[in-house]
Amino acid sequence: MTDDVNGYKNTMDQCCGIAISDRQKSLKWLSKQNDLIVYEVFRLQKKHFHRFKSGYPNENPILMAQVSFFQALREYISDIEDLNRKSRSTNFGYLKKVSKNRAKQFRKPRLNSKHEKLLNLQNVVLNLRNSEGYSSRDVSAYLLKIHNFEISHTEILKFEKLLQKGKDHDDSNS
C-alpha cells in the first residue's frame, strides 16, 4: 500500500513538475479565493486536461486530472503575479495581498445580516414609524424588547431611506 502511494506521489511529482510544498500552498491559497477565481482555475484545468490527455492517452485519468489542475493553478497564480507585480520573482507570501485585492474586484454587494432581519421585520418597522408615530430610537428599543433584535436607530433610518429610494425608483419606472 505504501509503495503504491509513494509510486503515485513520485509519478505526480514527475508529471506535474511542482514540489509538494508549493502544491499545498497553492491549494491553501485557492481555498481562500472567491468563486469566480475558482471557476477560472477549473476552466484552465479543463484546457490543460485535454492537452495532457492528447499527449498521454494511456495515462491514468485521475492522475491527468490532478496534474492538469495543479498546472492550471500554477498558470493562474503566475498570471496574477505578472499583472500585479513590477518585479517578476515568485513568492507565495505576496499572494495574500494579491488575492485580497483581486477578490475586491469581483465582490458583489452583500446585505449584512441585520439588514436581512430588518427586511423580514419591514412591516413591523413601517407600522411603528408611520401608524404609531414611533421615533427611530423607540423602534430600536421595541425591536430589542419584543423581537430580541438589537439594531441602532441610525441603521433603521438608513433602512427607511433605502426603502423610500426603492419606492421612488419603482414609481419613476411605472
C-alpha atoms as a PDB file:
ATOM      1  CA  MET A   1       0.000   0.000   0.000  1.00  0.00           C
ATOM      2  CA  THR A   2       2.738   2.480   0.932  1.00  0.00           C
ATOM      3  CA  ASP A   3       4.627   1.509  -2.227  1.00  0.00           C
ATOM      4  CA  ASP A   4       1.549   2.436  -4.262  1.00  0.00           C
ATOM      5  CA  VAL A   5       1.269   5.799  -2.513  1.00  0.00           C
ATOM      6  CA  ASN A   6       4.954   6.555  -2.906  1.00  0.00           C
ATOM      7  CA  GLY A   7       4.876   5.492  -6.538  1.00  0.00           C
ATOM      8  CA  TYR A   8       1.834   7.662  -7.194  1.00  0.00           C
ATOM      9  CA  LYS A   9       3.495  10.604  -5.420  1.00  0.00           C
ATOM     10  CA  ASN A  10       6.678  10.170  -7.454  1.00  0.00           C
ATOM     11  CA  THR A  11       4.678   9.950 -10.684  1.00  0.00           C
ATOM     12  CA  MET A  12       2.743  13.044  -9.652  1.00  0.00           C
ATOM     13  CA  ASP A  13       5.957  14.939  -8.904  1.00  0.00           C
ATOM     14  CA  GLN A  14       7.461  13.962 -12.268  1.00  0.00           C
ATOM     15  CA  CYS A  15       4.392  14.766 -14.333  1.00  0.00           C
ATOM     16  CA  CYS A  16       3.428  17.926 -12.517  1.00  0.00           C
ATOM     17  CA  GLY A  17       6.852  19.458 -12.008  1.00  0.00           C
ATOM     18  CA  ILE A  18       5.672  21.262  -8.859  1.00  0.00           C
ATOM     19  CA  ALA A  19       7.022  20.455  -5.412  1.00  0.00           C
ATOM     20  CA  ILE A  20       4.514  19.143  -2.912  1.00  0.00           C
ATOM     21  CA  SER A  21       5.013  22.137  -0.601  1.00  0.00           C
ATOM     22  CA  ASP A  22       4.164  24.518  -3.452  1.00  0.00           C
ATOM     23  CA  ARG A  23       1.118  22.405  -4.338  1.00  0.00           C
ATOM     24  CA  GLN A  24      -0.068  22.619  -0.748  1.00  0.00           C
ATOM     25  CA  LYS A  25       0.475  26.373  -0.642  1.00  0.00           C
ATOM     26  CA  SER A  26      -1.394  26.740  -3.907  1.00  0.00           C
ATOM     27  CA  LEU A  27      -4.344  24.726  -2.604  1.00  0.00           C
ATOM     28  CA  LYS A  28      -4.441  26.801   0.572  1.00  0.00           C
ATOM     29  CA  TRP A  29      -4.367  29.992  -1.490  1.00  0.00           C
ATOM     30  CA  LEU A  30      -7.171  28.738  -3.742  1.00  0.00           C
ATOM     31  CA  SER A  31      -9.345  27.801  -0.773  1.00  0.00           C
ATOM     32  CA  LYS A  32      -9.358  31.457   0.293  1.00  0.00           C
ATOM     33  CA  GLN A  33     -10.472  32.799  -3.091  1.00  0.00           C
ATOM     34  CA  ASN A  34     -13.943  33.702  -4.237  1.00  0.00           C
ATOM     35  CA  ASP A  35     -15.983  31.591  -6.632  1.00  0.00           C
ATOM     36  CA  LEU A  36     -15.008  33.496  -9.772  1.00  0.00           C
ATOM     37  CA  ILE A  37     -11.324  32.807  -9.269  1.00  0.00           C
ATOM     38  CA  VAL A  38     -12.011  29.135  -8.517  1.00  0.00           C
ATOM     39  CA  TYR A  39     -14.114  28.982 -11.681  1.00  0.00           C
ATOM     40  CA  GLU A  40     -11.276  30.432 -13.747  1.00  0.00           C
ATOM     41  CA  VAL A  41      -8.831  27.865 -12.352  1.00  0.00           C
ATOM     42  CA  PHE A  42     -11.175  24.999 -13.249  1.00  0.00           C
ATOM     43  CA  ARG A  43     -11.718  26.459 -16.715  1.00  0.00           C
ATOM     44  CA  LEU A  44      -7.945  26.440 -17.215  1.00  0.00           C
ATOM     45  CA  GLN A  45      -7.786  22.921 -15.756  1.00  0.00           C
ATOM     46  CA  LYS A  46     -10.143  21.701 -18.463  1.00  0.00           C
ATOM     47  CA  LYS A  47      -7.822  23.049 -21.166  1.00  0.00           C
ATOM     48  CA  HIS A  48      -4.760  21.507 -19.537  1.00  0.00           C
ATOM     49  CA  PHE A  49      -6.542  18.174 -19.095  1.00  0.00           C
ATOM     50  CA  HIS A  50      -7.398  17.877 -22.794  1.00  0.00           C
ATOM     51  CA  ARG A  51      -3.857  18.818 -23.812  1.00  0.00           C
ATOM     52  CA  PHE A  52      -2.431  16.283 -21.375  1.00  0.00           C
ATOM     53  CA  LYS A  53      -4.907  13.614 -22.484  1.00  0.00           C
ATOM     54  CA  SER A  54      -3.996  14.030 -26.144  1.00  0.00           C
ATOM     55  CA  GLY A  55      -0.274  13.829 -25.287  1.00  0.00           C
ATOM     56  CA  TYR A  56      -0.558  10.798 -22.990  1.00  0.00           C
ATOM     57  CA  PRO A  57      -3.646   8.763 -23.975  1.00  0.00           C
ATOM     58  CA  ASN A  58      -2.728   5.689 -21.865  1.00  0.00           C
ATOM     59  CA  GLU A  59      -2.091   7.573 -18.599  1.00  0.00           C
ATOM     60  CA  ASN A  60      -4.310   7.241 -15.520  1.00  0.00           C
ATOM     61  CA  PRO A  61      -7.232   9.745 -15.885  1.00  0.00           C
ATOM     62  CA  ILE A  62      -7.215  10.636 -12.183  1.00  0.00           C
ATOM     63  CA  LEU A  63      -3.524  11.448 -12.362  1.00  0.00           C
ATOM     64  CA  MET A  64      -4.123  13.511 -15.508  1.00  0.00           C
ATOM     65  CA  ALA A  65      -6.898  15.449 -13.756  1.00  0.00           C
ATOM     66  CA  GLN A  66      -4.689  16.199 -10.756  1.00  0.00           C
ATOM     67  CA  VAL A  67      -1.704  17.217 -12.833  1.00  0.00           C
ATOM     68  CA  SER A  68      -3.823  19.425 -15.076  1.00  0.00           C
ATOM     69  CA  PHE A  69      -5.411  21.026 -12.001  1.00  0.00           C
ATOM     70  CA  PHE A  70      -2.046  21.931 -10.463  1.00  0.00           C
ATOM     71  CA  GLN A  71      -0.735  23.200 -13.804  1.00  0.00           C
ATOM     72  CA  ALA A  72      -3.829  25.383 -14.212  1.00  0.00           C
ATOM     73  CA  LEU A  73      -3.445  26.675 -10.681  1.00  0.00           C
ATOM     74  CA  ARG A  74       0.215  27.464 -11.252  1.00  0.00           C
ATOM     75  CA  GLU A  75      -0.636  29.249 -14.510  1.00  0.00           C
ATOM     76  CA  TYR A  76      -3.369  31.329 -12.883  1.00  0.00           C
ATOM     77  CA  ILE A  77      -1.160  32.326  -9.966  1.00  0.00           C
ATOM     78  CA  SER A  78       1.678  33.320 -12.269  1.00  0.00           C
ATOM     79  CA  ASP A  79      -0.744  35.371 -14.400  1.00  0.00           C
ATOM     80  CA  ILE A  80      -1.913  37.241 -11.309  1.00  0.00           C
ATOM     81  CA  GLU A  81       1.638  37.820 -10.187  1.00  0.00           C
ATOM     82  CA  ASP A  82       2.635  39.102 -13.619  1.00  0.00           C
ATOM     83  CA  LEU A  83      -0.281  41.524 -13.714  1.00  0.00           C
ATOM     84  CA  ASN A  84       0.168  42.861 -10.211  1.00  0.00           C
ATOM     85  CA  ARG A  85       3.924  42.972  -9.798  1.00  0.00           C
ATOM     86  CA  LYS A  86       6.752  45.039 -11.059  1.00  0.00           C
ATOM     87  CA  SER A  87       9.385  42.532 -10.040  1.00  0.00           C
ATOM     88  CA  ARG A  88       8.828  39.076 -11.504  1.00  0.00           C
ATOM     89  CA  SER A  89      10.196  36.936  -8.660  1.00  0.00           C
ATOM     90  CA  THR A  90       7.768  34.305  -7.402  1.00  0.00           C
ATOM     91  CA  ASN A  91       6.798  34.471  -3.762  1.00  0.00           C
ATOM     92  CA  PHE A  92       3.735  32.883  -2.188  1.00  0.00           C
ATOM     93  CA  GLY A  93       3.829  35.342   0.721  1.00  0.00           C
ATOM     94  CA  TYR A  94       2.842  38.127  -1.653  1.00  0.00           C
ATOM     95  CA  LEU A  95      -0.206  36.167  -2.865  1.00  0.00           C
ATOM     96  CA  LYS A  96      -2.159  37.064   0.261  1.00  0.00           C
ATOM     97  CA  LYS A  97      -2.195  40.716  -0.765  1.00  0.00           C
ATOM     98  CA  VAL A  98      -2.833  39.875  -4.401  1.00  0.00           C
ATOM     99  CA  SER A  99      -5.757  37.649  -3.578  1.00  0.00           C
ATOM    100  CA  LYS A 100      -7.397  40.265  -1.352  1.00  0.00           C
ATOM    101  CA  ASN A 101      -7.018  42.963  -3.989  1.00  0.00           C
ATOM    102  CA  ARG A 102      -8.194  40.645  -6.745  1.00  0.00           C
ATOM    103  CA  ALA A 103     -11.173  39.481  -4.709  1.00  0.00           C
ATOM    104  CA  LYS A 104     -12.269  43.074  -4.111  1.00  0.00           C
ATOM    105  CA  GLN A 105     -12.699  43.466  -7.870  1.00  0.00           C
ATOM    106  CA  PHE A 106     -15.118  40.527  -8.044  1.00  0.00           C
ATOM    107  CA  ARG A 107     -17.071  41.159  -4.866  1.00  0.00           C
ATOM    108  CA  LYS A 108     -20.755  41.577  -5.235  1.00  0.00           C
ATOM    109  CA  PRO A 109     -22.603  43.773  -2.789  1.00  0.00           C
ATOM    110  CA  ARG A 110     -23.840  41.700   0.095  1.00  0.00           C
ATOM    111  CA  LEU A 111     -26.543  42.508   2.565  1.00  0.00           C
ATOM    112  CA  ASN A 112     -25.468  42.221   6.151  1.00  0.00           C
ATOM    113  CA  SER A 113     -27.444  40.010   8.475  1.00  0.00           C
ATOM    114  CA  LYS A 114     -29.045  42.942  10.314  1.00  0.00           C
ATOM    115  CA  HIS A 115     -30.301  44.343   7.040  1.00  0.00           C
ATOM    116  CA  GLU A 116     -31.806  40.959   6.157  1.00  0.00           C
ATOM    117  CA  LYS A 117     -33.530  40.778   9.547  1.00  0.00           C
ATOM    118  CA  LEU A 118     -34.853  44.303   9.012  1.00  0.00           C
ATOM    119  CA  LEU A 119     -36.263  43.199   5.671  1.00  0.00           C
ATOM    120  CA  ASN A 120     -38.098  40.412   7.487  1.00  0.00           C
ATOM    121  CA  LEU A 121     -39.413  42.918  10.034  1.00  0.00           C
ATOM    122  CA  GLN A 122     -40.124  45.589   7.427  1.00  0.00           C
ATOM    123  CA  ASN A 123     -43.873  45.678   8.053  1.00  0.00           C
ATOM    124  CA  VAL A 124     -43.364  45.997  11.815  1.00  0.00           C
ATOM    125  CA  VAL A 125     -40.869  48.847  11.425  1.00  0.00           C
ATOM    126  CA  LEU A 126     -43.001  50.744   8.906  1.00  0.00           C
ATOM    127  CA  ASN A 127     -46.148  50.266  11.001  1.00  0.00           C
ATOM    128  CA  LEU A 128     -44.431  51.581  14.117  1.00  0.00           C
ATOM    129  CA  ARG A 129     -42.889  54.530  12.317  1.00  0.00           C
ATOM    130  CA  ASN A 130     -45.884  55.576  10.201  1.00  0.00           C
ATOM    131  CA  SER A 131     -49.013  54.481  12.092  1.00  0.00           C
ATOM    132  CA  GLU A 132     -47.856  54.523  15.710  1.00  0.00           C
ATOM    133  CA  GLY A 133     -45.584  57.576  15.365  1.00  0.00           C
ATOM    134  CA  TYR A 134     -42.537  55.923  16.977  1.00  0.00           C
ATOM    135  CA  SER A 135     -39.142  57.551  16.593  1.00  0.00           C
ATOM    136  CA  SER A 136     -36.255  55.505  15.242  1.00  0.00           C
ATOM    137  CA  ARG A 137     -34.898  55.192  18.793  1.00  0.00           C
ATOM    138  CA  ASP A 138     -38.277  53.930  20.009  1.00  0.00           C
ATOM    139  CA  VAL A 139     -38.413  51.414  17.161  1.00  0.00           C
ATOM    140  CA  SER A 140     -34.920  50.238  18.070  1.00  0.00           C
ATOM    141  CA  ALA A 141     -35.969  49.739  21.710  1.00  0.00           C
ATOM    142  CA  TYR A 142     -39.169  47.943  20.625  1.00  0.00           C
ATOM    143  CA  LEU A 143     -37.245  45.536  18.366  1.00  0.00           C
ATOM    144  CA  LEU A 144     -34.837  44.771  21.194  1.00  0.00           C
ATOM    145  CA  LYS A 145     -37.600  44.206  23.746  1.00  0.00           C
ATOM    146  CA  ILE A 146     -40.159  42.303  21.643  1.00  0.00           C
ATOM    147  CA  HIS A 147     -38.101  40.639  18.891  1.00  0.00           C
ATOM    148  CA  ASN A 148     -34.767  40.361  20.745  1.00  0.00           C
ATOM    149  CA  PHE A 149     -33.081  42.107  17.810  1.00  0.00           C
ATOM    150  CA  GLU A 150     -30.516  44.786  18.619  1.00  0.00           C
ATOM    151  CA  ILE A 151     -30.062  47.461  15.987  1.00  0.00           C
ATOM    152  CA  SER A 152     -29.138  51.126  16.142  1.00  0.00           C
ATOM    153  CA  HIS A 153     -31.571  53.903  15.324  1.00  0.00           C
ATOM    154  CA  THR A 154     -29.277  55.116  12.540  1.00  0.00           C
ATOM    155  CA  GLU A 155     -29.499  51.732  10.814  1.00  0.00           C
ATOM    156  CA  ILE A 156     -33.276  51.997  10.943  1.00  0.00           C
ATOM    157  CA  LEU A 157     -33.111  55.449   9.345  1.00  0.00           C
ATOM    158  CA  LYS A 158     -30.774  54.172   6.623  1.00  0.00           C
ATOM    159  CA  PHE A 159     -33.134  51.265   6.024  1.00  0.00           C
ATOM    160  CA  GLU A 160     -36.108  53.631   5.638  1.00  0.00           C
ATOM    161  CA  LYS A 161     -34.178  55.818   3.198  1.00  0.00           C
ATOM    162  CA  LEU A 162     -33.276  52.725   1.183  1.00  0.00           C
ATOM    163  CA  LEU A 163     -36.911  51.649   1.085  1.00  0.00           C
ATOM    164  CA  GLN A 164     -38.000  55.144   0.090  1.00  0.00           C
ATOM    165  CA  LYS A 165     -35.381  55.253  -2.654  1.00  0.00           C
ATOM    166  CA  GLY A 166     -36.674  51.905  -3.937  1.00  0.00           C
ATOM    167  CA  LYS A 167     -40.258  53.191  -3.973  1.00  0.00           C
ATOM    168  CA  ASP A 168     -39.210  56.368  -5.798  1.00  0.00           C
ATOM    169  CA  HIS A 169     -37.334  54.252  -8.339  1.00  0.00           C
ATOM    170  CA  ASP A 170     -40.357  51.986  -8.850  1.00  0.00           C
ATOM    171  CA  ASP A 171     -42.698  54.978  -9.225  1.00  0.00           C
ATOM    172  CA  SER A 172     -40.470  56.590 -11.862  1.00  0.00           C
ATOM    173  CA  ASN A 173     -40.351  53.335 -13.897  1.00  0.00           C
ATOM    174  CA  SER A 174     -44.146  52.977 -13.918  1.00  0.00           C
END
